[in-house]
C-alpha atoms as a PDB file:
ATOM      1  CA  MET A   1     -98.677 -77.334-139.834  1.00  0.00           C
ATOM      2  CA  ASN A   2     -97.278 -78.982-136.402  1.00  0.00           C
ATOM      3  CA  LEU A   3     -93.610 -77.253-135.899  1.00  0.00           C
ATOM      4  CA  PHE A   4     -93.270 -78.864-132.234  1.00  0.00           C
ATOM      5  CA  LYS A   5     -94.492 -82.348-131.819  1.00  0.00           C
ATOM      6  CA  PRO A   6     -91.339 -83.693-130.210  1.00  0.00           C
ATOM      7  CA  GLU A   7     -93.068 -87.558-130.854  1.00  0.00           C
ATOM      8  CA  PHE A   8     -91.416 -89.718-133.029  1.00  0.00           C
ATOM      9  CA  SER A   9     -91.129 -93.994-133.137  1.00  0.00           C
ATOM     10  CA  ARG A  10     -87.316 -95.612-133.010  1.00  0.00           C
ATOM     11  CA  ILE A  11     -88.308 -98.558-135.844  1.00  0.00           C
ATOM     12  CA  ILE A  12     -84.785 -99.327-136.224  1.00  0.00           C
ATOM     13  CA  ASN A  13     -82.231 -99.432-133.016  1.00  0.00           C
ATOM     14  CA  CYS A  14     -79.634-102.067-134.134  1.00  0.00           C
ATOM     15  CA  ASP A  15     -76.463-100.986-136.341  1.00  0.00           C
ATOM     16  CA  GLY A  16     -77.892 -98.274-137.376  1.00  0.00           C
ATOM     17  CA  GLU A  17     -80.628 -95.917-135.974  1.00  0.00           C
ATOM     18  CA  VAL A  18     -84.065 -94.940-138.050  1.00  0.00           C
ATOM     19  CA  ASP A  19     -86.855 -92.526-136.350  1.00  0.00           C
ATOM     20  CA  TYR A  20     -90.770 -91.873-137.688  1.00  0.00           C
ATOM     21  CA  TYR A  21     -92.210 -88.981-136.966  1.00  0.00           C
ATOM     22  CA  GLY A  22     -95.217 -89.573-138.813  1.00  0.00           C
ATOM     23  CA  PRO A  23     -96.977 -86.692-140.069  1.00  0.00           C
ATOM     24  CA  VAL A  24     -95.331 -83.498-139.374  1.00  0.00           C
ATOM     25  CA  PHE A  25     -97.739 -81.367-141.834  1.00  0.00           C
ATOM     26  CA  THR A  26    -101.881 -81.161-141.430  1.00  0.00           C
ATOM     27  CA  PRO A  27    -103.570 -83.374-144.360  1.00  0.00           C
ATOM     28  CA  VAL A  28    -104.392 -79.707-146.163  1.00  0.00           C
ATOM     29  CA  ALA A  29    -100.263 -78.419-145.924  1.00  0.00           C
ATOM     30  CA  ALA A  30     -99.441 -81.853-146.740  1.00  0.00           C
ATOM     31  CA  SER A  31    -101.749 -81.707-150.266  1.00  0.00           C
ATOM     32  CA  ALA A  32    -100.816 -78.029-151.076  1.00  0.00           C
ATOM     33  CA  TYR A  33     -96.823 -78.703-150.968  1.00  0.00           C
ATOM     34  CA  LEU A  34     -97.633 -81.797-153.331  1.00  0.00           C
ATOM     35  CA  HIS A  35     -99.300 -79.644-155.649  1.00  0.00           C
ATOM     36  CA  SER A  36     -96.685 -77.296-155.538  1.00  0.00           C
ATOM     37  CA  LEU A  37     -94.004 -79.581-155.801  1.00  0.00           C
ATOM     38  CA  LEU A  38     -95.068 -80.941-159.012  1.00  0.00           C
ATOM     39  CA  ASN A  39     -95.368 -77.821-160.954  1.00  0.00           C
ATOM     40  CA  GLN A  40     -92.191 -75.819-159.309  1.00  0.00           C
ATOM     41  CA  ILE A  41     -89.833 -78.672-159.442  1.00  0.00           C
ATOM     42  CA  SER A  42     -86.858 -79.312-162.582  1.00  0.00           C
ATOM     43  CA  TRP A  43     -88.153 -82.697-162.956  1.00  0.00           C
ATOM     44  CA  GLU A  44     -86.032 -84.575-165.370  1.00  0.00           C
ATOM     45  CA  GLN A  45     -86.447 -88.453-165.602  1.00  0.00           C
ATOM     46  CA  ASP A  46     -83.765 -90.552-164.377  1.00  0.00           C
ATOM     47  CA  VAL A  47     -80.895 -92.235-166.152  1.00  0.00           C
ATOM     48  CA  ALA A  48     -78.862 -95.128-164.829  1.00  0.00           C
ATOM     49  CA  ILE A  49     -75.996 -97.430-166.521  1.00  0.00           C
ATOM     50  CA  MET A  50     -77.243-100.975-165.386  1.00  0.00           C
ATOM     51  CA  PHE A  51     -75.461-103.944-167.425  1.00  0.00           C
ATOM     52  CA  GLY A  52     -73.660-101.296-169.445  1.00  0.00           C
ATOM     53  CA  LYS A  53     -76.903 -99.958-170.863  1.00  0.00           C
ATOM     54  CA  ARG A  54     -78.464 -96.477-170.731  1.00  0.00           C
ATOM     55  CA  ILE A  55     -81.673 -97.009-168.773  1.00  0.00           C
ATOM     56  CA  ILE A  56     -84.063 -94.711-168.624  1.00  0.00           C
ATOM     57  CA  THR A  57     -86.754 -94.108-165.640  1.00  0.00           C
ATOM     58  CA  LYS A  58     -90.551 -93.096-165.275  1.00  0.00           C
ATOM     59  CA  ARG A  59     -89.401 -92.246-162.146  1.00  0.00           C
ATOM     60  CA  MET A  60     -88.793 -88.470-162.063  1.00  0.00           C
ATOM     61  CA  VAL A  61     -85.965 -86.594-160.322  1.00  0.00           C
ATOM     62  CA  ALA A  62     -84.055 -83.423-158.957  1.00  0.00           C
ATOM     63  CA  TRP A  63     -81.009 -82.268-157.025  1.00  0.00           C
ATOM     64  CA  TYR A  64     -80.716 -79.420-155.032  1.00  0.00           C
ATOM     65  CA  GLY A  65     -77.833 -77.716-152.814  1.00  0.00           C
ATOM     66  CA  ASP A  66     -76.358 -75.010-151.195  1.00  0.00           C
ATOM     67  CA  ARG A  67     -73.902 -74.534-154.062  1.00  0.00           C
ATOM     68  CA  ASP A  68     -73.892 -77.089-157.459  1.00  0.00           C
ATOM     69  CA  PHE A  69     -72.120 -80.359-155.294  1.00  0.00           C
ATOM     70  CA  SER A  70     -71.936 -83.259-157.885  1.00  0.00           C
ATOM     71  CA  TYR A  71     -73.635 -86.536-157.315  1.00  0.00           C
ATOM     72  CA  SER A  72     -73.243 -89.660-158.530  1.00  0.00           C
ATOM     73  CA  TYR A  73     -74.683 -93.046-158.798  1.00  0.00           C
ATOM     74  CA  SER A  74     -75.990 -95.744-160.927  1.00  0.00           C
ATOM     75  CA  LYS A  75     -72.464 -94.082-163.365  1.00  0.00           C
ATOM     76  CA  THR A  76     -74.132 -91.047-163.769  1.00  0.00           C
ATOM     77  CA  THR A  77     -73.629 -87.602-162.226  1.00  0.00           C
ATOM     78  CA  LYS A  78     -76.150 -85.203-161.895  1.00  0.00           C
ATOM     79  CA  TYR A  79     -75.455 -81.333-160.340  1.00  0.00           C
ATOM     80  CA  ALA A  80     -77.426 -79.590-157.577  1.00  0.00           C
ATOM     81  CA  LEU A  81     -79.246 -76.826-158.441  1.00  0.00           C
ATOM     82  CA  SER A  82     -79.925 -73.311-156.185  1.00  0.00           C
ATOM     83  CA  TRP A  83     -82.560 -73.947-153.509  1.00  0.00           C
ATOM     84  CA  THR A  84     -86.150 -72.684-154.276  1.00  0.00           C
ATOM     85  CA  THR A  85     -88.069 -70.715-151.739  1.00  0.00           C
ATOM     86  CA  GLU A  86     -90.068 -73.737-150.957  1.00  0.00           C
ATOM     87  CA  LEU A  87     -87.442 -75.729-150.380  1.00  0.00           C
ATOM     88  CA  ILE A  88     -85.512 -73.508-148.516  1.00  0.00           C
ATOM     89  CA  ALA A  89     -88.511 -73.418-145.801  1.00  0.00           C
ATOM     90  CA  LEU A  90     -88.407 -77.901-146.286  1.00  0.00           C
ATOM     91  CA  LYS A  91     -85.162 -78.010-145.030  1.00  0.00           C
ATOM     92  CA  ALA A  92     -85.781 -75.761-142.110  1.00  0.00           C
ATOM     93  CA  LEU A  93     -88.553 -77.417-140.554  1.00  0.00           C
ATOM     94  CA  VAL A  94     -86.724 -80.389-141.175  1.00  0.00           C
ATOM     95  CA  GLU A  95     -83.851 -79.179-139.575  1.00  0.00           C
ATOM     96  CA  ALA A  96     -85.491 -78.037-136.778  1.00  0.00           C
ATOM     97  CA  ARG A  97     -87.576 -81.148-136.168  1.00  0.00           C
ATOM     98  CA  SER A  98     -84.503 -83.713-136.235  1.00  0.00           C
ATOM     99  CA  GLY A  99     -82.043 -81.207-134.988  1.00  0.00           C
ATOM    100  CA  LEU A 100     -79.703 -82.009-138.229  1.00  0.00           C
ATOM    101  CA  THR A 101     -78.760 -79.740-140.813  1.00  0.00           C
ATOM    102  CA  TYR A 102     -78.155 -80.719-143.986  1.00  0.00           C
ATOM    103  CA  ASN A 103     -76.905 -79.297-147.558  1.00  0.00           C
ATOM    104  CA  SER A 104     -79.075 -80.769-150.385  1.00  0.00           C
ATOM    105  CA  CYS A 105     -82.141 -82.543-150.912  1.00  0.00           C
ATOM    106  CA  LEU A 106     -82.457 -85.244-153.534  1.00  0.00           C
ATOM    107  CA  LEU A 107     -86.023 -85.345-154.758  1.00  0.00           C
ATOM    108  CA  ASN A 108     -88.436 -88.170-156.378  1.00  0.00           C
ATOM    109  CA  LEU A 109     -91.559 -87.905-158.266  1.00  0.00           C
ATOM    110  CA  TYR A 110     -93.033 -91.589-158.288  1.00  0.00           C
ATOM    111  CA  HIS A 111     -95.987 -90.851-160.660  1.00  0.00           C
ATOM    112  CA  ASP A 112     -98.104 -94.177-159.473  1.00  0.00           C
ATOM    113  CA  GLY A 113     -97.135 -97.730-157.591  1.00  0.00           C
ATOM    114  CA  ASN A 114     -96.130 -98.901-160.639  1.00  0.00           C
ATOM    115  CA  GLU A 115     -92.591 -96.989-160.073  1.00  0.00           C
ATOM    116  CA  GLY A 116     -90.705 -98.086-157.161  1.00  0.00           C
ATOM    117  CA  MET A 117     -86.603 -98.356-155.904  1.00  0.00           C
ATOM    118  CA  GLY A 118     -84.926-101.689-155.404  1.00  0.00           C
ATOM    119  CA  TRP A 119     -83.139-102.641-152.546  1.00  0.00           C
ATOM    120  CA  HIS A 120     -80.063 -99.891-152.108  1.00  0.00           C
ATOM    121  CA  SER A 121     -78.130 -98.220-149.541  1.00  0.00           C
ATOM    122  CA  ASP A 122     -77.220 -94.147-150.052  1.00  0.00           C
ATOM    123  CA  ASP A 123     -73.763 -94.644-149.257  1.00  0.00           C
ATOM    124  CA  GLU A 124     -72.123 -92.568-152.601  1.00  0.00           C
ATOM    125  CA  ARG A 125     -68.364 -91.572-151.310  1.00  0.00           C
ATOM    126  CA  SER A 126     -69.839 -88.343-152.459  1.00  0.00           C
ATOM    127  CA  LEU A 127     -71.982 -87.998-149.062  1.00  0.00           C
ATOM    128  CA  GLU A 128     -70.514 -87.325-145.731  1.00  0.00           C
ATOM    129  CA  SER A 129     -69.505 -90.242-144.471  1.00  0.00           C
ATOM    130  CA  GLY A 130     -72.119 -91.560-141.756  1.00  0.00           C
ATOM    131  CA  SER A 131     -74.284 -88.698-142.070  1.00  0.00           C
ATOM    132  CA  SER A 132     -78.204 -88.551-141.501  1.00  0.00           C
ATOM    133  CA  ILE A 133     -80.351 -88.428-144.078  1.00  0.00           C
ATOM    134  CA  SER A 134     -83.859 -86.694-143.996  1.00  0.00           C
ATOM    135  CA  SER A 135     -86.779 -87.970-146.141  1.00  0.00           C
ATOM    136  CA  LEU A 136     -90.627 -85.919-146.318  1.00  0.00           C
ATOM    137  CA  SER A 137     -93.187 -87.532-148.225  1.00  0.00           C
ATOM    138  CA  PHE A 138     -96.050 -85.889-149.572  1.00  0.00           C
ATOM    139  CA  GLY A 139     -98.317 -87.765-151.777  1.00  0.00           C
ATOM    140  CA  ALA A 140     -99.862 -91.551-151.790  1.00  0.00           C
ATOM    141  CA  PRO A 141     -98.695 -93.434-148.890  1.00  0.00           C
ATOM    142  CA  ARG A 142     -96.406 -95.809-149.999  1.00  0.00           C
ATOM    143  CA  ASN A 143     -94.792 -98.475-148.103  1.00  0.00           C
ATOM    144  CA  PHE A 144     -91.454 -98.061-146.978  1.00  0.00           C
ATOM    145  CA  SER A 145     -88.592-101.511-146.160  1.00  0.00           C
ATOM    146  CA  PHE A 146     -85.580-102.016-144.829  1.00  0.00           C
ATOM    147  CA  LYS A 147     -83.145-105.171-145.047  1.00  0.00           C
ATOM    148  CA  HIS A 148     -80.484-105.696-142.375  1.00  0.00           C
ATOM    149  CA  LYS A 149     -77.104-106.761-145.092  1.00  0.00           C
ATOM    150  CA  VAL A 150     -76.419-109.804-142.823  1.00  0.00           C
ATOM    151  CA  SER A 151     -79.247-110.764-141.000  1.00  0.00           C
ATOM    152  CA  GLY A 152     -81.573-110.249-143.220  1.00  0.00           C
ATOM    153  CA  GLU A 153     -83.851-108.920-140.900  1.00  0.00           C
ATOM    154  CA  THR A 154     -86.539-106.813-142.254  1.00  0.00           C
ATOM    155  CA  VAL A 155     -88.744-103.859-141.588  1.00  0.00           C
ATOM    156  CA  ASN A 156     -91.972-102.373-143.076  1.00  0.00           C
ATOM    157  CA  ILE A 157     -93.543 -99.097-142.538  1.00  0.00           C
ATOM    158  CA  ASN A 158     -96.183 -96.649-143.977  1.00  0.00           C
ATOM    159  CA  LEU A 159     -94.959 -93.900-145.149  1.00  0.00           C
ATOM    160  CA  GLU A 160     -97.637 -91.005-144.606  1.00  0.00           C
ATOM    161  CA  SER A 161     -98.341 -87.870-146.618  1.00  0.00           C
ATOM    162  CA  GLY A 162     -96.783 -85.162-144.746  1.00  0.00           C
ATOM    163  CA  SER A 163     -94.436 -87.652-143.012  1.00  0.00           C
ATOM    164  CA  LEU A 164     -90.953 -87.379-141.612  1.00  0.00           C
ATOM    165  CA  LEU A 165     -88.126 -90.498-141.682  1.00  0.00           C
ATOM    166  CA  VAL A 166     -84.816 -90.043-140.297  1.00  0.00           C
ATOM    167  CA  MET A 167     -81.874 -92.080-140.551  1.00  0.00           C
ATOM    168  CA  LYS A 168     -79.038 -91.418-138.796  1.00  0.00           C
ATOM    169  CA  GLY A 169     -75.253 -93.444-137.629  1.00  0.00           C
ATOM    170  CA  ALA A 170     -74.597 -96.430-139.663  1.00  0.00           C
ATOM    171  CA  THR A 171     -77.859 -97.114-141.047  1.00  0.00           C
ATOM    172  CA  GLN A 172     -76.621 -96.969-144.603  1.00  0.00           C
ATOM    173  CA  HIS A 173     -73.669 -99.112-144.147  1.00  0.00           C
ATOM    174  CA  ASN A 174     -75.796-102.193-142.281  1.00  0.00           C
ATOM    175  CA  TRP A 175     -79.035-101.742-144.342  1.00  0.00           C
ATOM    176  CA  LEU A 176     -80.879-101.776-147.489  1.00  0.00           C
ATOM    177  CA  HIS A 177     -83.946 -99.841-148.280  1.00  0.00           C
ATOM    178  CA  ALA A 178     -86.546-100.195-150.598  1.00  0.00           C
ATOM    179  CA  LEU A 179     -89.804 -98.978-152.406  1.00  0.00           C
ATOM    180  CA  PRO A 180     -92.178-101.802-152.930  1.00  0.00           C
ATOM    181  CA  LYS A 181     -93.510-101.429-156.112  1.00  0.00           C
ATOM    182  CA  THR A 182     -97.779-101.706-155.596  1.00  0.00           C
ATOM    183  CA  THR A 183    -100.619-102.112-158.409  1.00  0.00           C
ATOM    184  CA  LYS A 184    -102.728-100.418-155.609  1.00  0.00           C
ATOM    185  CA  VAL A 185    -101.341 -97.134-155.411  1.00  0.00           C
ATOM    186  CA  LYS A 186    -102.715 -94.945-158.745  1.00  0.00           C
ATOM    187  CA  LEU A 187    -102.272 -91.331-157.403  1.00  0.00           C
ATOM    188  CA  PRO A 188     -98.151 -89.577-157.557  1.00  0.00           C
ATOM    189  CA  ARG A 189     -95.367 -89.560-154.492  1.00  0.00           C
ATOM    190  CA  ILE A 190     -93.043 -87.013-153.863  1.00  0.00           C
ATOM    191  CA  ASN A 191     -90.163 -87.911-151.224  1.00  0.00           C
ATOM    192  CA  LEU A 192     -87.552 -85.373-150.714  1.00  0.00           C
ATOM    193  CA  THR A 193     -84.372 -86.813-148.859  1.00  0.00           C
ATOM    194  CA  PHE A 194     -81.891 -83.985-147.259  1.00  0.00           C
ATOM    195  CA  ARG A 195     -78.610 -85.170-147.572  1.00  0.00           C
ATOM    196  CA  THR A 196     -74.853 -84.005-146.051  1.00  0.00           C
ATOM    197  CA  MET A 197     -72.552 -83.328-149.492  1.00  0.00           C
ATOM    198  CA  GLY A 198     -68.851 -83.959-147.969  1.00  0.00           C
ATOM    199  CA  LEU A 199     -67.305 -80.570-148.358  1.00  0.00           C
ATOM    200  CA  THR A 200     -64.399 -81.294-150.920  1.00  0.00           C
ATOM    201  CA  GLU A 201     -67.572 -81.708-153.407  1.00  0.00           C
ATOM    202  CA  ALA A 202     -68.042 -78.932-156.059  1.00  0.00           C
END
């Protein structure tokens, strides 16, 4: 595991900042984390209310935090579980590398390329305004896309296993992001998004 590599690529530097650190774990360590998270996280199918209908997604999610924060999106609410020892260690690494601090983590499990996420911003009111989001990826590499809300400019990046991506500043206000589906990917991917909930949330 490489804890001290300082380099990153700033892939967005307009109306927000997005930094890509590339892999911050060796392939062996990244694979070990993938299998551990698959088996030890309390996964559940995600539920969304769309056009008045309750939709259960194939993608699975889990929500952890410093306390039982409530997090509402897609007209559903989740309550954070207590950190696992492994998640605490991963949070510490992300904070050391990014120089930022977080109090919660939303995890996503995509079983293969048939599962993804459409265009959206992580700008829910329960999140601290203007706070950063750090994203760790384990498993199958996947294309990740950004689109500017006004200009329509797009930026694409391939997120490698064990890699770290940090979205900062006004990124959520000005940009959408998505994980496109693809039939080419047959293996699972786990994404950990470390976030900061507003202190008034419980």
